[in-house]
Amino acid sequence: MDKRYRQANKEARLSLYLTLLYLIFWIAFAYLLGDQAGLLGFPAWFELSCLFAPIGFIIACYFIVKYQFKDIPLESPQSIPPHE
């Protein structure tokens, strides 16, 4: 199998896992917390699910893209002209 397909599959899996993890966190924070007030005065469920979780996952996305994703050529090796 071409290395590009393996890398693309790895990146797709990582993206899917991160999306599912975000959804689980959002649902857990939004539906399992009570009505107590949070740090900023909003309800805790709102602060965690709509303010802090997105910030945390934006940071996680940054690190996953920086350290796990690779810049790969999209052209097939046959279509790349030889260097002279």
PDB file of N, CA and C in Angstrom:
ATOM      1  N   MET A   1       0.846  -1.182   0.000  1.00  0.00           N
ATOM      2  CA  MET A   1       0.000   0.000   0.000  1.00  0.00           C
ATOM      3  C   MET A   1       0.890   1.244   0.000  1.00  0.00           C
ATOM      4  N   ASP A   2       0.462   2.230  -0.738  1.00  0.00           N
ATOM      5  CA  ASP A   2       1.184   3.491  -0.839  1.00  0.00           C
ATOM      6  C   ASP A   2       1.229   4.178   0.531  1.00  0.00           C
ATOM      7  N   LYS A   3       2.378   4.756   0.875  1.00  0.00           N
ATOM      8  CA  LYS A   3       2.536   5.437   2.163  1.00  0.00           C
ATOM      9  C   LYS A   3       1.568   6.605   2.312  1.00  0.00           C
ATOM     10  N   ARG A   4       1.216   7.227   1.181  1.00  0.00           N
ATOM     11  CA  ARG A   4       0.299   8.370   1.248  1.00  0.00           C
ATOM     12  C   ARG A   4      -1.073   7.943   1.744  1.00  0.00           C
ATOM     13  N   TYR A   5      -1.534   6.762   1.317  1.00  0.00           N
ATOM     14  CA  TYR A   5      -2.839   6.272   1.764  1.00  0.00           C
ATOM     15  C   TYR A   5      -2.804   5.922   3.249  1.00  0.00           C
ATOM     16  N   ARG A   6      -1.703   5.341   3.687  1.00  0.00           N
ATOM     17  CA  ARG A   6      -1.570   5.013   5.106  1.00  0.00           C
ATOM     18  C   ARG A   6      -1.600   6.281   5.959  1.00  0.00           C
ATOM     19  N   GLN A   7      -0.882   7.316   5.519  1.00  0.00           N
ATOM     20  CA  GLN A   7      -0.872   8.584   6.254  1.00  0.00           C
ATOM     21  C   GLN A   7      -2.246   9.243   6.226  1.00  0.00           C
ATOM     22  N   ALA A   8      -2.913   9.222   5.077  1.00  0.00           N
ATOM     23  CA  ALA A   8      -4.250   9.818   4.980  1.00  0.00           C
ATOM     24  C   ALA A   8      -5.240   9.088   5.877  1.00  0.00           C
ATOM     25  N   ASN A   9      -5.148   7.763   5.931  1.00  0.00           N
ATOM     26  CA  ASN A   9      -6.035   6.999   6.819  1.00  0.00           C
ATOM     27  C   ASN A   9      -5.756   7.316   8.280  1.00  0.00           C
ATOM     28  N   LYS A  10      -4.486   7.453   8.639  1.00  0.00           N
ATOM     29  CA  LYS A  10      -4.125   7.806  10.014  1.00  0.00           C
ATOM     30  C   LYS A  10      -4.703   9.178  10.388  1.00  0.00           C
ATOM     31  N   GLU A  11      -4.562  10.147   9.481  1.00  0.00           N
ATOM     32  CA  GLU A  11      -5.075  11.479   9.754  1.00  0.00           C
ATOM     33  C   GLU A  11      -6.598  11.484   9.840  1.00  0.00           C
ATOM     34  N   ALA A  12      -7.255  10.704   9.007  1.00  0.00           N
ATOM     35  CA  ALA A  12      -8.718  10.625   9.060  1.00  0.00           C
ATOM     36  C   ALA A  12      -9.171   9.996  10.372  1.00  0.00           C
ATOM     37  N   ARG A  13      -8.494   8.927  10.795  1.00  0.00           N
ATOM     38  CA  ARG A  13      -8.855   8.292  12.076  1.00  0.00           C
ATOM     39  C   ARG A  13      -8.654   9.252  13.235  1.00  0.00           C
ATOM     40  N   LEU A  14      -7.521   9.955  13.262  1.00  0.00           N
ATOM     41  CA  LEU A  14      -7.272  10.917  14.338  1.00  0.00           C
ATOM     42  C   LEU A  14      -8.346  12.007  14.364  1.00  0.00           C
ATOM     43  N   SER A  15      -8.727  12.484  13.207  1.00  0.00           N
ATOM     44  CA  SER A  15      -9.767  13.515  13.132  1.00  0.00           C
ATOM     45  C   SER A  15     -11.105  12.985  13.641  1.00  0.00           C
ATOM     46  N   LEU A  16     -11.442  11.763  13.255  1.00  0.00           N
ATOM     47  CA  LEU A  16     -12.690  11.163  13.714  1.00  0.00           C
ATOM     48  C   LEU A  16     -12.677  10.954  15.224  1.00  0.00           C
ATOM     49  N   TYR A  17     -11.566  10.428  15.764  1.00  0.00           N
ATOM     50  CA  TYR A  17     -11.473  10.209  17.214  1.00  0.00           C
ATOM     51  C   TYR A  17     -11.578  11.515  17.981  1.00  0.00           C
ATOM     52  N   LEU A  18     -10.928  12.548  17.494  1.00  0.00           N
ATOM     53  CA  LEU A  18     -10.990  13.844  18.167  1.00  0.00           C
ATOM     54  C   LEU A  18     -12.403  14.416  18.126  1.00  0.00           C
ATOM     55  N   THR A  19     -13.089  14.240  17.002  1.00  0.00           N
ATOM     56  CA  THR A  19     -14.473  14.712  16.882  1.00  0.00           C
ATOM     57  C   THR A  19     -15.399  13.962  17.822  1.00  0.00           C
ATOM     58  N   LEU A  20     -15.252  12.646  17.885  1.00  0.00           N
ATOM     59  CA  LEU A  20     -16.096  11.851  18.790  1.00  0.00           C
ATOM     60  C   LEU A  20     -15.807  12.181  20.252  1.00  0.00           C
ATOM     61  N   LEU A  21     -14.537  12.381  20.581  1.00  0.00           N
ATOM     62  CA  LEU A  21     -14.183  12.748  21.947  1.00  0.00           C
ATOM     63  C   LEU A  21     -14.785  14.098  22.322  1.00  0.00           C
ATOM     64  N   TYR A  22     -14.731  15.053  21.393  1.00  0.00           N
ATOM     65  CA  TYR A  22     -15.343  16.361  21.642  1.00  0.00           C
ATOM     66  C   TYR A  22     -16.846  16.224  21.865  1.00  0.00           C
ATOM     67  N   LEU A  23     -17.502  15.417  21.045  1.00  0.00           N
ATOM     68  CA  LEU A  23     -18.941  15.214  21.193  1.00  0.00           C
ATOM     69  C   LEU A  23     -19.272  14.587  22.545  1.00  0.00           C
ATOM     70  N   ILE A  24     -18.477  13.615  22.966  1.00  0.00           N
ATOM     71  CA  ILE A  24     -18.700  12.974  24.269  1.00  0.00           C
ATOM     72  C   ILE A  24     -18.513  13.992  25.395  1.00  0.00           C
ATOM     73  N   PHE A  25     -17.449  14.782  25.315  1.00  0.00           N
ATOM     74  CA  PHE A  25     -17.231  15.808  26.341  1.00  0.00           C
ATOM     75  C   PHE A  25     -18.373  16.810  26.364  1.00  0.00           C
ATOM     76  N   TRP A  26     -18.802  17.255  25.192  1.00  0.00           N
ATOM     77  CA  TRP A  26     -19.862  18.252  25.135  1.00  0.00           C
ATOM     78  C   TRP A  26     -21.144  17.700  25.750  1.00  0.00           C
ATOM     79  N   ILE A  27     -21.520  16.502  25.391  1.00  0.00           N
ATOM     80  CA  ILE A  27     -22.746  15.894  25.931  1.00  0.00           C
ATOM     81  C   ILE A  27     -22.621  15.688  27.429  1.00  0.00           C
ATOM     82  N   ALA A  28     -21.467  15.184  27.873  1.00  0.00           N
ATOM     83  CA  ALA A  28     -21.277  14.947  29.310  1.00  0.00           C
ATOM     84  C   ALA A  28     -21.370  16.244  30.099  1.00  0.00           C
ATOM     85  N   PHE A  29     -20.696  17.279  29.642  1.00  0.00           N
ATOM     86  CA  PHE A  29     -20.746  18.553  30.360  1.00  0.00           C
ATOM     87  C   PHE A  29     -22.131  19.178  30.292  1.00  0.00           C
ATOM     88  N   ALA A  30     -22.772  19.125  29.147  1.00  0.00           N
ATOM     89  CA  ALA A  30     -24.049  19.811  28.963  1.00  0.00           C
ATOM     90  C   ALA A  30     -25.185  19.115  29.699  1.00  0.00           C
ATOM     91  N   TYR A  31     -25.164  17.801  29.783  1.00  0.00           N
ATOM     92  CA  TYR A  31     -26.312  17.090  30.332  1.00  0.00           C
ATOM     93  C   TYR A  31     -26.090  16.481  31.706  1.00  0.00           C
ATOM     94  N   LEU A  32     -24.852  16.344  32.142  1.00  0.00           N
ATOM     95  CA  LEU A  32     -24.621  15.673  33.425  1.00  0.00           C
ATOM     96  C   LEU A  32     -24.285  16.623  34.573  1.00  0.00           C
ATOM     97  N   LEU A  33     -24.031  17.885  34.273  1.00  0.00           N
ATOM     98  CA  LEU A  33     -23.746  18.843  35.346  1.00  0.00           C
ATOM     99  C   LEU A  33     -25.041  19.511  35.801  1.00  0.00           C
ATOM    100  N   GLY A  34     -25.029  19.930  37.036  1.00  0.00           N
ATOM    101  CA  GLY A  34     -26.211  20.583  37.585  1.00  0.00           C
ATOM    102  C   GLY A  34     -26.267  22.058  37.206  1.00  0.00           C
ATOM    103  N   ASP A  35     -27.043  22.817  37.971  1.00  0.00           N
ATOM    104  CA  ASP A  35     -27.249  24.231  37.685  1.00  0.00           C
ATOM    105  C   ASP A  35     -26.335  25.140  38.502  1.00  0.00           C
ATOM    106  N   GLN A  36     -25.301  24.605  39.119  1.00  0.00           N
ATOM    107  CA  GLN A  36     -24.415  25.462  39.916  1.00  0.00           C
ATOM    108  C   GLN A  36     -23.679  26.444  39.016  1.00  0.00           C
ATOM    109  N   ALA A  37     -23.295  27.554  39.619  1.00  0.00           N
ATOM    110  CA  ALA A  37     -22.612  28.608  38.861  1.00  0.00           C
ATOM    111  C   ALA A  37     -21.154  28.223  38.640  1.00  0.00           C
ATOM    112  N   GLY A  38     -20.623  28.657  37.506  1.00  0.00           N
ATOM    113  CA  GLY A  38     -19.230  28.383  37.177  1.00  0.00           C
ATOM    114  C   GLY A  38     -18.334  29.554  37.520  1.00  0.00           C
ATOM    115  N   LEU A  39     -17.119  29.541  36.995  1.00  0.00           N
ATOM    116  CA  LEU A  39     -16.127  30.573  37.283  1.00  0.00           C
ATOM    117  C   LEU A  39     -16.539  31.954  36.795  1.00  0.00           C
ATOM    118  N   LEU A  40     -17.187  32.025  35.649  1.00  0.00           N
ATOM    119  CA  LEU A  40     -17.529  33.308  35.037  1.00  0.00           C
ATOM    120  C   LEU A  40     -18.941  33.781  35.358  1.00  0.00           C
ATOM    121  N   GLY A  41     -19.667  33.038  36.177  1.00  0.00           N
ATOM    122  CA  GLY A  41     -21.020  33.425  36.535  1.00  0.00           C
ATOM    123  C   GLY A  41     -22.102  32.746  35.716  1.00  0.00           C
ATOM    124  N   PHE A  42     -21.724  32.104  34.635  1.00  0.00           N
ATOM    125  CA  PHE A  42     -22.682  31.331  33.842  1.00  0.00           C
ATOM    126  C   PHE A  42     -22.901  29.985  34.530  1.00  0.00           C
ATOM    127  N   PRO A  43     -23.929  29.257  34.128  1.00  0.00           N
ATOM    128  CA  PRO A  43     -24.057  27.893  34.659  1.00  0.00           C
ATOM    129  C   PRO A  43     -22.823  27.060  34.271  1.00  0.00           C
ATOM    130  N   ALA A  44     -22.419  26.163  35.172  1.00  0.00           N
ATOM    131  CA  ALA A  44     -21.196  25.372  34.955  1.00  0.00           C
ATOM    132  C   ALA A  44     -21.288  24.533  33.689  1.00  0.00           C
ATOM    133  N   TRP A  45     -22.460  23.992  33.393  1.00  0.00           N
ATOM    134  CA  TRP A  45     -22.593  23.154  32.191  1.00  0.00           C
ATOM    135  C   TRP A  45     -22.312  23.971  30.931  1.00  0.00           C
ATOM    136  N   PHE A  46     -22.748  25.241  30.926  1.00  0.00           N
ATOM    137  CA  PHE A  46     -22.522  26.103  29.765  1.00  0.00           C
ATOM    138  C   PHE A  46     -21.046  26.459  29.630  1.00  0.00           C
ATOM    139  N   GLU A  47     -20.433  26.831  30.738  1.00  0.00           N
ATOM    140  CA  GLU A  47     -19.019  27.209  30.687  1.00  0.00           C
ATOM    141  C   GLU A  47     -18.159  26.054  30.200  1.00  0.00           C
ATOM    142  N   LEU A  48     -18.403  24.859  30.726  1.00  0.00           N
ATOM    143  CA  LEU A  48     -17.563  23.725  30.344  1.00  0.00           C
ATOM    144  C   LEU A  48     -17.846  23.241  28.929  1.00  0.00           C
ATOM    145  N   SER A  49     -19.119  23.160  28.551  1.00  0.00           N
ATOM    146  CA  SER A  49     -19.432  22.595  27.235  1.00  0.00           C
ATOM    147  C   SER A  49     -19.297  23.601  26.103  1.00  0.00           C
ATOM    148  N   CYS A  50     -19.508  24.872  26.362  1.00  0.00           N
ATOM    149  CA  CYS A  50     -19.514  25.856  25.269  1.00  0.00           C
ATOM    150  C   CYS A  50     -18.350  26.833  25.305  1.00  0.00           C
ATOM    151  N   LEU A  51     -17.608  26.908  26.396  1.00  0.00           N
ATOM    152  CA  LEU A  51     -16.484  27.837  26.464  1.00  0.00           C
ATOM    153  C   LEU A  51     -15.142  27.118  26.620  1.00  0.00           C
ATOM    154  N   PHE A  52     -15.013  26.290  27.667  1.00  0.00           N
ATOM    155  CA  PHE A  52     -13.720  25.688  27.967  1.00  0.00           C
ATOM    156  C   PHE A  52     -13.409  24.461  27.109  1.00  0.00           C
ATOM    157  N   ALA A  53     -14.376  23.616  26.835  1.00  0.00           N
ATOM    158  CA  ALA A  53     -14.129  22.434  25.997  1.00  0.00           C
ATOM    159  C   ALA A  53     -13.701  22.831  24.583  1.00  0.00           C
ATOM    160  N   PRO A  54     -14.366  23.783  23.926  1.00  0.00           N
ATOM    161  CA  PRO A  54     -13.883  24.173  22.590  1.00  0.00           C
ATOM    162  C   PRO A  54     -12.452  24.722  22.606  1.00  0.00           C
ATOM    163  N   ILE A  55     -12.118  25.503  23.617  1.00  0.00           N
ATOM    164  CA  ILE A  55     -10.755  26.032  23.703  1.00  0.00           C
ATOM    165  C   ILE A  55      -9.756  24.893  23.866  1.00  0.00           C
ATOM    166  N   GLY A  56     -10.084  23.935  24.721  1.00  0.00           N
ATOM    167  CA  GLY A  56      -9.208  22.782  24.924  1.00  0.00           C
ATOM    168  C   GLY A  56      -9.050  21.954  23.661  1.00  0.00           C
ATOM    169  N   PHE A  57     -10.139  21.773  22.926  1.00  0.00           N
ATOM    170  CA  PHE A  57     -10.053  20.964  21.719  1.00  0.00           C
ATOM    171  C   PHE A  57      -9.396  21.723  20.566  1.00  0.00           C
ATOM    172  N   ILE A  58      -9.481  23.029  20.549  1.00  0.00           N
ATOM    173  CA  ILE A  58      -8.727  23.804  19.555  1.00  0.00           C
ATOM    174  C   ILE A  58      -7.232  23.613  19.802  1.00  0.00           C
ATOM    175  N   ILE A  59      -6.829  23.647  21.061  1.00  0.00           N
ATOM    176  CA  ILE A  59      -5.423  23.415  21.405  1.00  0.00           C
ATOM    177  C   ILE A  59      -5.016  21.991  21.041  1.00  0.00           C
ATOM    178  N   ALA A  60      -5.875  21.014  21.326  1.00  0.00           N
ATOM    179  CA  ALA A  60      -5.579  19.619  20.968  1.00  0.00           C
ATOM    180  C   ALA A  60      -5.458  19.459  19.456  1.00  0.00           C
ATOM    181  N   CYS A  61      -6.334  20.104  18.702  1.00  0.00           N
ATOM    182  CA  CYS A  61      -6.256  20.059  17.230  1.00  0.00           C
ATOM    183  C   CYS A  61      -4.941  20.639  16.740  1.00  0.00           C
ATOM    184  N   TYR A  62      -4.516  21.729  17.323  1.00  0.00           N
ATOM    185  CA  TYR A  62      -3.252  22.350  16.929  1.00  0.00           C
ATOM    186  C   TYR A  62      -2.099  21.363  17.089  1.00  0.00           C
ATOM    187  N   PHE A  63      -2.027  20.699  18.252  1.00  0.00           N
ATOM    188  CA  PHE A  63      -0.920  19.784  18.491  1.00  0.00           C
ATOM    189  C   PHE A  63      -1.007  18.526  17.624  1.00  0.00           C
ATOM    190  N   ILE A  64      -2.207  18.047  17.373  1.00  0.00           N
ATOM    191  CA  ILE A  64      -2.349  16.877  16.506  1.00  0.00           C
ATOM    192  C   ILE A  64      -1.928  17.221  15.081  1.00  0.00           C
ATOM    193  N   VAL A  65      -2.343  18.377  14.584  1.00  0.00           N
ATOM    194  CA  VAL A  65      -1.950  18.772  13.230  1.00  0.00           C
ATOM    195  C   VAL A  65      -0.443  19.021  13.164  1.00  0.00           C
ATOM    196  N   LYS A  66       0.111  19.644  14.188  1.00  0.00           N
ATOM    197  CA  LYS A  66       1.537  19.964  14.180  1.00  0.00           C
ATOM    198  C   LYS A  66       2.407  18.713  14.247  1.00  0.00           C
ATOM    199  N   TYR A  67       2.044  17.722  15.058  1.00  0.00           N
ATOM    200  CA  TYR A  67       2.925  16.585  15.296  1.00  0.00           C
ATOM    201  C   TYR A  67       2.504  15.285  14.611  1.00  0.00           C
ATOM    202  N   GLN A  68       1.262  15.156  14.167  1.00  0.00           N
ATOM    203  CA  GLN A  68       0.815  13.902  13.571  1.00  0.00           C
ATOM    204  C   GLN A  68       0.537  13.994  12.076  1.00  0.00           C
ATOM    205  N   PHE A  69       0.106  15.146  11.606  1.00  0.00           N
ATOM    206  CA  PHE A  69      -0.191  15.302  10.185  1.00  0.00           C
ATOM    207  C   PHE A  69       1.105  15.598   9.439  1.00  0.00           C
ATOM    208  N   LYS A  70       1.199  15.103   8.207  1.00  0.00           N
ATOM    209  CA  LYS A  70       2.386  15.327   7.398  1.00  0.00           C
ATOM    210  C   LYS A  70       1.984  15.909   6.059  1.00  0.00           C
ATOM    211  N   ASP A  71       2.848  16.747   5.523  1.00  0.00           N
ATOM    212  CA  ASP A  71       2.627  17.324   4.206  1.00  0.00           C
ATOM    213  C   ASP A  71       3.064  16.291   3.179  1.00  0.00           C
ATOM    214  N   ILE A  72       2.103  15.783   2.408  1.00  0.00           N
ATOM    215  CA  ILE A  72       2.412  14.751   1.427  1.00  0.00           C
ATOM    216  C   ILE A  72       1.988  15.238   0.046  1.00  0.00           C
ATOM    217  N   PRO A  73       2.717  14.829  -1.005  1.00  0.00           N
ATOM    218  CA  PRO A  73       2.315  15.232  -2.358  1.00  0.00           C
ATOM    219  C   PRO A  73       1.039  14.504  -2.766  1.00  0.00           C
ATOM    220  N   LEU A  74       0.170  15.199  -3.443  1.00  0.00           N
ATOM    221  CA  LEU A  74      -1.088  14.599  -3.873  1.00  0.00           C
ATOM    222  C   LEU A  74      -0.994  13.976  -5.257  1.00  0.00           C
ATOM    223  N   GLU A  75       0.042  14.316  -6.011  1.00  0.00           N
ATOM    224  CA  GLU A  75       0.201  13.748  -7.333  1.00  0.00           C
ATOM    225  C   GLU A  75       0.740  12.330  -7.218  1.00  0.00           C
ATOM    226  N   SER A  76       0.405  11.506  -8.187  1.00  0.00           N
ATOM    227  CA  SER A  76       0.954  10.154  -8.203  1.00  0.00           C
ATOM    228  C   SER A  76       2.419  10.227  -8.596  1.00  0.00           C
ATOM    229  N   PRO A  77       3.231   9.284  -8.155  1.00  0.00           N
ATOM    230  CA  PRO A  77       4.660   9.341  -8.486  1.00  0.00           C
ATOM    231  C   PRO A  77       4.927   9.311  -9.994  1.00  0.00           C
ATOM    232  N   GLN A  78       4.038   8.733 -10.789  1.00  0.00           N
ATOM    233  CA  GLN A  78       4.235   8.675 -12.234  1.00  0.00           C
ATOM    234  C   GLN A  78       4.042  10.041 -12.894  1.00  0.00           C
ATOM    235  N   SER A  79       3.222  10.915 -12.300  1.00  0.00           N
ATOM    236  CA  SER A  79       2.916  12.207 -12.930  1.00  0.00           C
ATOM    237  C   SER A  79       3.948  13.290 -12.592  1.00  0.00           C
ATOM    238  N   ILE A  80       4.870  13.011 -11.673  1.00  0.00           N
ATOM    239  CA  ILE A  80       5.875  14.003 -11.300  1.00  0.00           C
ATOM    240  C   ILE A  80       7.017  13.920 -12.308  1.00  0.00           C
ATOM    241  N   PRO A  81       7.356  15.025 -12.973  1.00  0.00           N
ATOM    242  CA  PRO A  81       8.441  14.981 -13.957  1.00  0.00           C
ATOM    243  C   PRO A  81       9.786  14.767 -13.271  1.00  0.00           C
ATOM    244  N   PRO A  82      10.706  14.047 -13.908  1.00  0.00           N
ATOM    245  CA  PRO A  82      12.034  13.834 -13.304  1.00  0.00           C
ATOM    246  C   PRO A  82      12.828  15.125 -13.271  1.00  0.00           C
ATOM    247  N   HIS A  83      13.699  15.238 -12.275  1.00  0.00           N
ATOM    248  CA  HIS A  83      14.550  16.422 -12.147  1.00  0.00           C
ATOM    249  C   HIS A  83      15.715  16.292 -13.123  1.00  0.00           C
ATOM    250  N   GLU A  84      16.095  17.395 -13.716  1.00  0.00           N
ATOM    251  CA  GLU A  84      17.196  17.372 -14.688  1.00  0.00           C
ATOM    252  C   GLU A  84      18.456  17.917 -14.078  1.00  0.00           C
TER     253      GLU A  84
END
